[in-house]
Amino acid sequence: MKDIGIDLGTANILIYIKGQGIVLNEPSVVAIDTESKKPLAFGIDANLMLGKTPFKVKAIKPMKDGVIADFEITEMMLDYFVNKVKARGLFKKPTIIICCPADTTPVEKNAILEAAEKLGAKKVYLEEEPKAAAIGVGLDISKPNGNMIIDIGGGTTDIAVLSLGGIVVSKSLKIAGNVFDTDIKEYIKNKYHLLIGEKTAQNIKHEIGSVYESDEDRTIEVRGRDLDTGLPSIITINSLEIEESLMDDVRKIVAGAKSVLEDTPPELSADIIENGAVLTGGGSLINGLKELLEDELQIPIYLAESPLTSVVEGTGIMLDNIDLLN
């Protein structure tokens, strides 16, 4: 079995195999037969079932806010995907690096370690996501310089300042892509009395999501169930409305970043004023977020080249440089 890095995300699971690169990127979803308790589908196939399953089938997201919410189903999911990418071998036990949010509790860390150890690992390293993300976007965190990362994932936003190979100051917020989806659902429910599903909310976010003085007012047709009549209905909403729906939670992320900067030692603050911060994670792709953070934090903000894969790419670099690990 080859050494592997795993980004066990709330929204997606990504697997990196040493020597091969990223071999898997699928939604963290499992479809279960509720009577037999047996899994029916994983990843992409299970994600297609979200909100559309018959009574005895349930599509479950076993990760919540970056940690394991359903241990048994997470184990099934990990086992399935490791087998799918043919990472198992007969003779060699692998080294596994698996990532978690910066403020994961010892109990939550033990749950993640236990799940990884059941894959038959020789050694399991648990690494904090902001560190893996910083390495993955190409920051040299080994030197005595301040590096700042803002990683907005599916379940958590991790904000950290790193220097000399470790995290100096960090903050983890349970506000990220999934909360943005909920914000959009609630806004449409309250304003238009229209009930929409999670995947529809995600689509709206991707198509017209905006958080900062958008130049173009884009619109999208939204289909759902009218709460007054109970019948299917269509409305049209615009990007300014989405900005309004997201702003409260986006402001909390801004406040979190300011809090990290306030706690950063002055010498490292001087580096960050010069070098800025890197914005990464799937949630970072919302239109205008980079500009909003630059305006609010008064430092340069750079969007990572590949925001969705930064964390797992970081695990790949660590597998090649074990000295980067704790």
Protein backbone atom coordinates (compact mmCIF):
# COMPACT_ATOMS: atom_id res chain seq x y z
CA MET A 1 0.00 0.00 0.00
CA LYS A 2 1.23 3.44 -0.89
CA ASP A 3 1.54 6.39 1.47
CA ILE A 4 -1.55 8.59 1.26
CA GLY A 5 -2.79 12.00 2.30
CA ILE A 6 -6.49 12.54 3.03
CA ASP A 7 -8.48 15.75 3.21
CA LEU A 8 -11.54 14.46 5.05
CA GLY A 9 -13.73 17.48 4.39
CA THR A 10 -17.31 18.24 5.34
CA ALA A 11 -18.23 18.73 1.69
CA ASN A 12 -15.65 16.61 -0.16
CA ILE A 13 -13.09 13.89 0.51
CA LEU A 14 -9.82 14.14 -1.44
CA ILE A 15 -7.09 11.49 -1.53
CA TYR A 16 -3.46 12.00 -2.57
CA ILE A 17 -1.19 9.01 -3.27
CA LYS A 18 2.55 9.57 -3.05
CA GLY A 19 4.01 9.38 -6.55
CA GLN A 20 0.61 9.68 -8.24
CA GLY A 21 -0.90 12.96 -7.01
CA ILE A 22 -4.61 13.55 -6.35
CA VAL A 23 -6.47 10.36 -7.25
CA LEU A 24 -9.89 11.09 -5.77
CA ASN A 25 -12.16 14.10 -5.21
CA GLU A 26 -15.74 13.15 -4.36
CA PRO A 27 -18.56 14.50 -2.15
CA SER A 28 -18.51 13.28 1.47
CA VAL A 29 -21.92 11.62 1.13
CA VAL A 30 -23.11 8.04 1.74
CA ALA A 31 -26.52 6.62 0.78
CA ILE A 32 -27.79 4.08 3.32
CA ASP A 33 -30.63 1.58 3.31
CA THR A 34 -32.31 2.52 6.60
CA GLU A 35 -33.73 -0.98 7.12
CA SER A 36 -30.62 -3.10 6.53
CA LYS A 37 -28.19 -0.28 7.52
CA LYS A 38 -26.10 -1.23 4.47
CA PRO A 39 -24.49 1.41 2.21
CA LEU A 40 -25.97 1.70 -1.29
CA ALA A 41 -23.75 4.39 -2.82
CA PHE A 42 -20.83 6.68 -1.99
CA GLY A 43 -19.52 10.02 -3.19
CA ILE A 44 -20.78 11.30 -6.54
CA ASP A 45 -23.44 8.59 -6.85
CA ALA A 46 -24.76 9.22 -3.33
CA ASN A 47 -24.68 13.01 -3.83
CA LEU A 48 -27.05 12.67 -6.79
CA MET A 49 -29.57 11.17 -4.35
CA LEU A 50 -29.58 14.12 -1.88
CA GLY A 51 -33.15 15.29 -1.36
CA LYS A 52 -34.49 12.70 -3.81
CA THR A 53 -34.43 9.40 -1.91
CA PRO A 54 -37.43 7.11 -1.26
CA PHE A 55 -38.54 6.45 2.31
CA LYS A 56 -36.12 3.62 3.14
CA VAL A 57 -33.02 5.24 1.62
CA LYS A 58 -31.19 8.11 3.31
CA ALA A 59 -28.33 10.17 1.86
CA ILE A 60 -26.07 11.09 4.80
CA LYS A 61 -23.16 13.51 5.19
CA PRO A 62 -21.14 11.85 7.97
CA MET A 63 -18.88 14.88 8.48
CA LYS A 64 -20.21 18.00 10.19
CA ASP A 65 -18.26 21.21 10.83
CA GLY A 66 -15.03 19.48 9.82
CA VAL A 67 -15.33 16.62 12.33
CA ILE A 68 -16.89 13.16 12.37
CA ALA A 69 -20.61 13.30 13.14
CA ASP A 70 -21.28 9.64 12.29
CA PHE A 71 -18.28 7.46 13.08
CA GLU A 72 -19.56 4.20 11.58
CA ILE A 73 -20.52 5.74 8.24
CA THR A 74 -17.26 7.73 8.06
CA GLU A 75 -15.35 4.45 8.47
CA MET A 76 -17.40 2.86 5.67
CA MET A 77 -16.74 5.87 3.43
CA LEU A 78 -12.98 5.90 4.07
CA ASP A 79 -12.72 2.14 3.53
CA TYR A 80 -14.68 2.35 0.26
CA PHE A 81 -12.63 5.20 -1.20
CA VAL A 82 -9.25 3.75 -0.19
CA ASN A 83 -10.27 0.51 -1.94
CA LYS A 84 -11.57 2.46 -4.95
CA VAL A 85 -8.21 4.16 -5.58
CA LYS A 86 -6.42 0.81 -5.04
CA ALA A 87 -4.24 2.25 -2.30
CA ARG A 88 -4.15 -1.05 -0.39
CA GLY A 89 -1.34 -3.55 -0.87
CA LEU A 90 -0.47 -6.97 0.56
CA PHE A 91 2.93 -6.30 2.10
CA LYS A 92 3.46 -2.66 3.03
CA LYS A 93 1.51 -0.72 5.62
CA PRO A 94 1.21 2.92 4.63
CA THR A 95 1.88 6.24 6.27
CA ILE A 96 -1.36 8.24 6.28
CA ILE A 97 -1.67 12.00 6.78
CA ILE A 98 -5.20 13.13 7.54
CA CYS A 99 -6.30 16.72 8.12
CA CYS A 100 -8.58 18.35 10.69
CA PRO A 101 -9.61 21.93 11.61
CA ALA A 102 -7.25 23.94 13.83
CA ASP A 103 -9.44 23.81 16.95
CA THR A 104 -10.41 20.12 16.81
CA THR A 105 -10.81 18.77 20.35
CA PRO A 106 -8.72 15.81 21.64
CA VAL A 107 -11.85 13.60 21.55
CA GLU A 108 -12.55 14.56 17.93
CA LYS A 109 -8.89 14.00 17.01
CA ASN A 110 -8.99 10.51 18.55
CA ALA A 111 -12.08 9.68 16.48
CA ILE A 112 -10.32 10.76 13.26
CA LEU A 113 -7.13 8.86 14.21
CA GLU A 114 -9.13 5.71 15.00
CA ALA A 115 -10.92 5.86 11.65
CA ALA A 116 -7.58 6.24 9.81
CA GLU A 117 -5.88 3.47 11.81
CA LYS A 118 -8.63 1.03 10.81
CA LEU A 119 -7.42 1.42 7.22
CA GLY A 120 -4.34 -0.58 8.27
CA ALA A 121 -1.83 2.25 8.57
CA LYS A 122 1.72 1.84 9.84
CA LYS A 123 1.69 5.42 11.08
CA VAL A 124 -1.06 8.05 11.11
CA TYR A 125 -0.26 11.74 11.30
CA LEU A 126 -3.02 14.19 12.13
CA GLU A 127 -2.27 17.58 10.62
CA GLU A 128 -4.09 20.87 11.03
CA GLU A 129 -5.82 22.06 7.88
CA PRO A 130 -4.46 25.62 7.82
CA LYS A 131 -0.89 24.29 7.94
CA ALA A 132 -1.56 21.77 5.14
CA ALA A 133 -3.34 24.47 3.12
CA ALA A 134 -0.45 26.93 3.57
CA ILE A 135 2.05 24.32 2.37
CA GLY A 136 -0.30 23.32 -0.46
CA VAL A 137 -0.57 26.89 -1.82
CA GLY A 138 3.21 27.18 -1.87
CA LEU A 139 3.94 29.26 1.25
CA ASP A 140 7.36 28.57 2.79
CA ILE A 141 6.34 28.30 6.43
CA SER A 142 9.72 26.91 7.56
CA LYS A 143 11.40 30.34 7.80
CA PRO A 144 10.95 32.93 10.59
CA ASN A 145 8.47 34.95 8.52
CA GLY A 146 4.76 35.57 9.05
CA ASN A 147 2.44 33.75 6.61
CA MET A 148 -1.33 34.14 6.80
CA ILE A 149 -3.88 31.70 5.38
CA ILE A 150 -7.69 32.02 5.24
CA ASP A 151 -9.15 28.61 4.35
CA ILE A 152 -12.93 28.62 3.82
CA GLY A 153 -14.05 25.03 3.39
CA GLY A 154 -17.44 23.33 3.51
CA GLY A 155 -17.82 23.02 7.29
CA THR A 156 -15.21 25.35 8.78
CA THR A 157 -13.21 28.48 8.07
CA ASP A 158 -9.65 28.18 9.38
CA ILE A 159 -7.64 31.39 9.72
CA ALA A 160 -4.02 31.14 10.81
CA VAL A 161 -0.67 32.88 10.96
CA LEU A 162 2.27 30.48 10.56
CA SER A 163 6.01 30.79 11.11
CA LEU A 164 8.95 28.41 11.65
CA GLY A 165 6.93 25.38 10.54
CA GLY A 166 3.98 25.83 12.88
CA ILE A 167 0.84 27.77 13.70
CA VAL A 168 1.45 30.89 15.82
CA VAL A 169 -2.14 32.18 16.02
CA SER A 170 -5.31 30.57 14.66
CA LYS A 171 -9.06 30.69 14.77
CA SER A 172 -11.55 28.13 13.48
CA LEU A 173 -15.13 29.18 12.74
CA LYS A 174 -18.04 26.85 12.04
CA ILE A 175 -19.09 29.21 9.24
CA ALA A 176 -18.24 28.19 5.69
CA GLY A 177 -19.77 26.93 2.44
CA ASN A 178 -22.52 24.83 4.04
CA VAL A 179 -23.67 27.74 6.21
CA PHE A 180 -23.77 29.96 3.09
CA ASP A 181 -26.12 27.40 1.48
CA THR A 182 -28.37 27.48 4.56
CA ASP A 183 -28.36 31.31 4.52
CA ILE A 184 -29.59 31.29 0.91
CA LYS A 185 -32.30 28.69 1.68
CA GLU A 186 -33.57 30.66 4.68
CA TYR A 187 -33.54 33.99 2.81
CA ILE A 188 -35.65 32.58 -0.04
CA LYS A 189 -37.98 30.82 2.41
CA ASN A 190 -38.56 34.00 4.43
CA LYS A 191 -38.79 36.48 1.56
CA TYR A 192 -40.56 34.43 -1.10
CA HIS A 193 -42.23 31.63 0.94
CA LEU A 194 -40.45 29.19 -1.35
CA LEU A 195 -38.87 25.99 -0.04
CA ILE A 196 -35.72 24.92 -1.92
CA GLY A 197 -33.27 22.05 -1.44
CA GLU A 198 -29.61 22.09 -0.50
CA LYS A 199 -28.39 21.41 -4.05
CA THR A 200 -30.51 24.28 -5.42
CA ALA A 201 -29.00 26.62 -2.83
CA GLN A 202 -25.50 25.47 -3.81
CA ASN A 203 -26.27 26.11 -7.46
CA ILE A 204 -27.50 29.65 -6.69
CA LYS A 205 -24.31 30.30 -4.69
CA HIS A 206 -22.09 29.10 -7.54
CA GLU A 207 -24.00 30.88 -10.29
CA ILE A 208 -24.74 34.33 -8.83
CA GLY A 209 -23.19 34.33 -5.33
CA SER A 210 -21.64 37.68 -4.45
CA VAL A 211 -20.57 39.42 -1.23
CA TYR A 212 -19.14 42.76 -2.29
CA GLU A 213 -20.47 45.58 -4.44
CA SER A 214 -21.04 43.46 -7.52
CA ASP A 215 -20.83 45.51 -10.74
CA GLU A 216 -23.25 43.26 -12.56
CA ASP A 217 -26.64 42.36 -11.13
CA ARG A 218 -26.99 38.75 -12.31
CA THR A 219 -30.25 36.83 -11.97
CA ILE A 220 -31.28 33.18 -11.81
CA GLU A 221 -34.58 31.29 -11.96
CA VAL A 222 -35.24 29.26 -8.82
CA ARG A 223 -37.65 26.34 -8.64
CA GLY A 224 -39.10 25.04 -5.39
CA ARG A 225 -42.31 24.42 -3.44
CA ASP A 226 -44.55 27.34 -2.54
CA LEU A 227 -45.16 27.21 1.22
CA ASP A 228 -48.58 28.89 0.89
CA THR A 229 -50.08 26.71 -1.85
CA GLY A 230 -47.92 23.59 -1.53
CA LEU A 231 -47.47 23.65 -5.32
CA PRO A 232 -44.28 23.85 -7.42
CA SER A 233 -43.32 27.44 -8.15
CA ILE A 234 -40.64 29.52 -9.93
CA ILE A 235 -39.13 32.84 -8.84
CA THR A 236 -36.27 35.00 -10.15
CA ILE A 237 -33.67 36.34 -7.71
CA ASN A 238 -30.59 38.50 -8.23
CA SER A 239 -27.02 38.64 -6.95
CA LEU A 240 -27.75 41.65 -4.69
CA GLU A 241 -30.26 39.52 -2.79
CA ILE A 242 -27.68 36.76 -2.37
CA GLU A 243 -25.21 39.35 -1.07
CA GLU A 244 -27.83 40.40 1.49
CA SER A 245 -28.48 36.78 2.53
CA LEU A 246 -24.78 36.02 3.11
CA MET A 247 -23.55 39.25 4.63
CA ASP A 248 -24.11 38.49 8.35
CA ASP A 249 -22.02 35.32 8.22
CA VAL A 250 -19.38 36.75 5.89
CA ARG A 251 -18.94 39.60 8.40
CA LYS A 252 -18.22 36.97 11.09
CA ILE A 253 -15.41 35.57 8.93
CA VAL A 254 -14.02 39.11 8.51
CA ALA A 255 -14.21 39.60 12.31
CA GLY A 256 -12.39 36.27 12.81
CA ALA A 257 -9.57 37.36 10.48
CA LYS A 258 -9.29 40.69 12.32
CA SER A 259 -9.13 38.83 15.64
CA VAL A 260 -6.22 36.67 14.38
CA LEU A 261 -4.37 39.76 13.16
CA GLU A 262 -4.90 41.49 16.52
CA ASP A 263 -3.33 38.50 18.32
CA THR A 264 -0.36 38.24 15.92
CA PRO A 265 3.07 39.27 17.31
CA PRO A 266 4.18 42.65 15.90
CA GLU A 267 7.19 41.29 13.96
CA LEU A 268 4.98 38.80 12.13
CA SER A 269 2.34 41.51 11.56
CA ALA A 270 4.98 43.51 9.68
CA ASP A 271 5.55 40.52 7.35
CA ILE A 272 1.81 40.12 6.74
CA ILE A 273 1.39 43.82 5.89
CA GLU A 274 4.05 43.30 3.22
CA ASN A 275 3.16 39.78 2.00
CA GLY A 276 -0.60 39.74 2.59
CA ALA A 277 -2.71 36.61 3.10
CA VAL A 278 -3.69 33.70 0.87
CA LEU A 279 -7.39 32.89 0.48
CA THR A 280 -8.22 29.27 -0.27
CA GLY A 281 -10.92 26.57 0.10
CA GLY A 282 -14.10 26.08 -1.93
CA GLY A 283 -15.92 28.85 -0.05
CA SER A 284 -13.31 31.37 -1.19
CA LEU A 285 -14.66 31.28 -4.75
CA ILE A 286 -17.69 33.50 -4.03
CA ASN A 287 -17.53 36.63 -6.15
CA GLY A 288 -16.17 39.68 -4.29
CA LEU A 289 -14.83 37.91 -1.19
CA LYS A 290 -11.18 38.71 -2.00
CA GLU A 291 -12.04 42.40 -2.51
CA LEU A 292 -14.10 42.56 0.69
CA LEU A 293 -11.27 41.08 2.77
CA GLU A 294 -8.72 43.45 1.23
CA ASP A 295 -10.96 46.40 2.04
CA GLU A 296 -11.65 45.30 5.62
CA LEU A 297 -8.21 43.94 6.61
CA GLN A 298 -6.13 46.54 4.74
CA ILE A 299 -3.63 43.91 3.51
CA PRO A 300 -3.13 42.29 0.08
CA ILE A 301 -5.24 39.14 -0.42
CA TYR A 302 -4.24 36.51 -2.97
CA LEU A 303 -6.62 33.81 -4.20
CA ALA A 304 -4.95 30.38 -4.35
CA GLU A 305 -4.46 28.87 -7.80
CA SER A 306 -6.39 25.73 -6.87
CA PRO A 307 -8.52 26.58 -3.80
CA LEU A 308 -10.40 23.27 -3.73
CA THR A 309 -7.28 21.09 -3.54
CA SER A 310 -4.84 23.16 -1.42
CA VAL A 311 -5.17 21.03 1.73
CA VAL A 312 -4.67 17.65 0.06
CA GLU A 313 -1.80 19.03 -2.06
CA GLY A 314 -0.21 20.10 1.22
CA THR A 315 -0.44 16.53 2.53
CA GLY A 316 1.31 15.38 -0.65
CA ILE A 317 4.22 17.75 -0.05
CA MET A 318 4.41 16.56 3.58
CA LEU A 319 4.58 12.91 2.47
CA ASP A 320 7.69 13.86 0.47
CA ASN A 321 9.10 15.88 3.39
CA ILE A 322 8.25 14.05 6.61
CA ASP A 323 10.25 16.65 8.58
CA LEU A 324 7.39 19.11 7.91
CA LEU A 325 5.11 17.01 10.12
CA ASN A 326 4.61 17.58 13.84
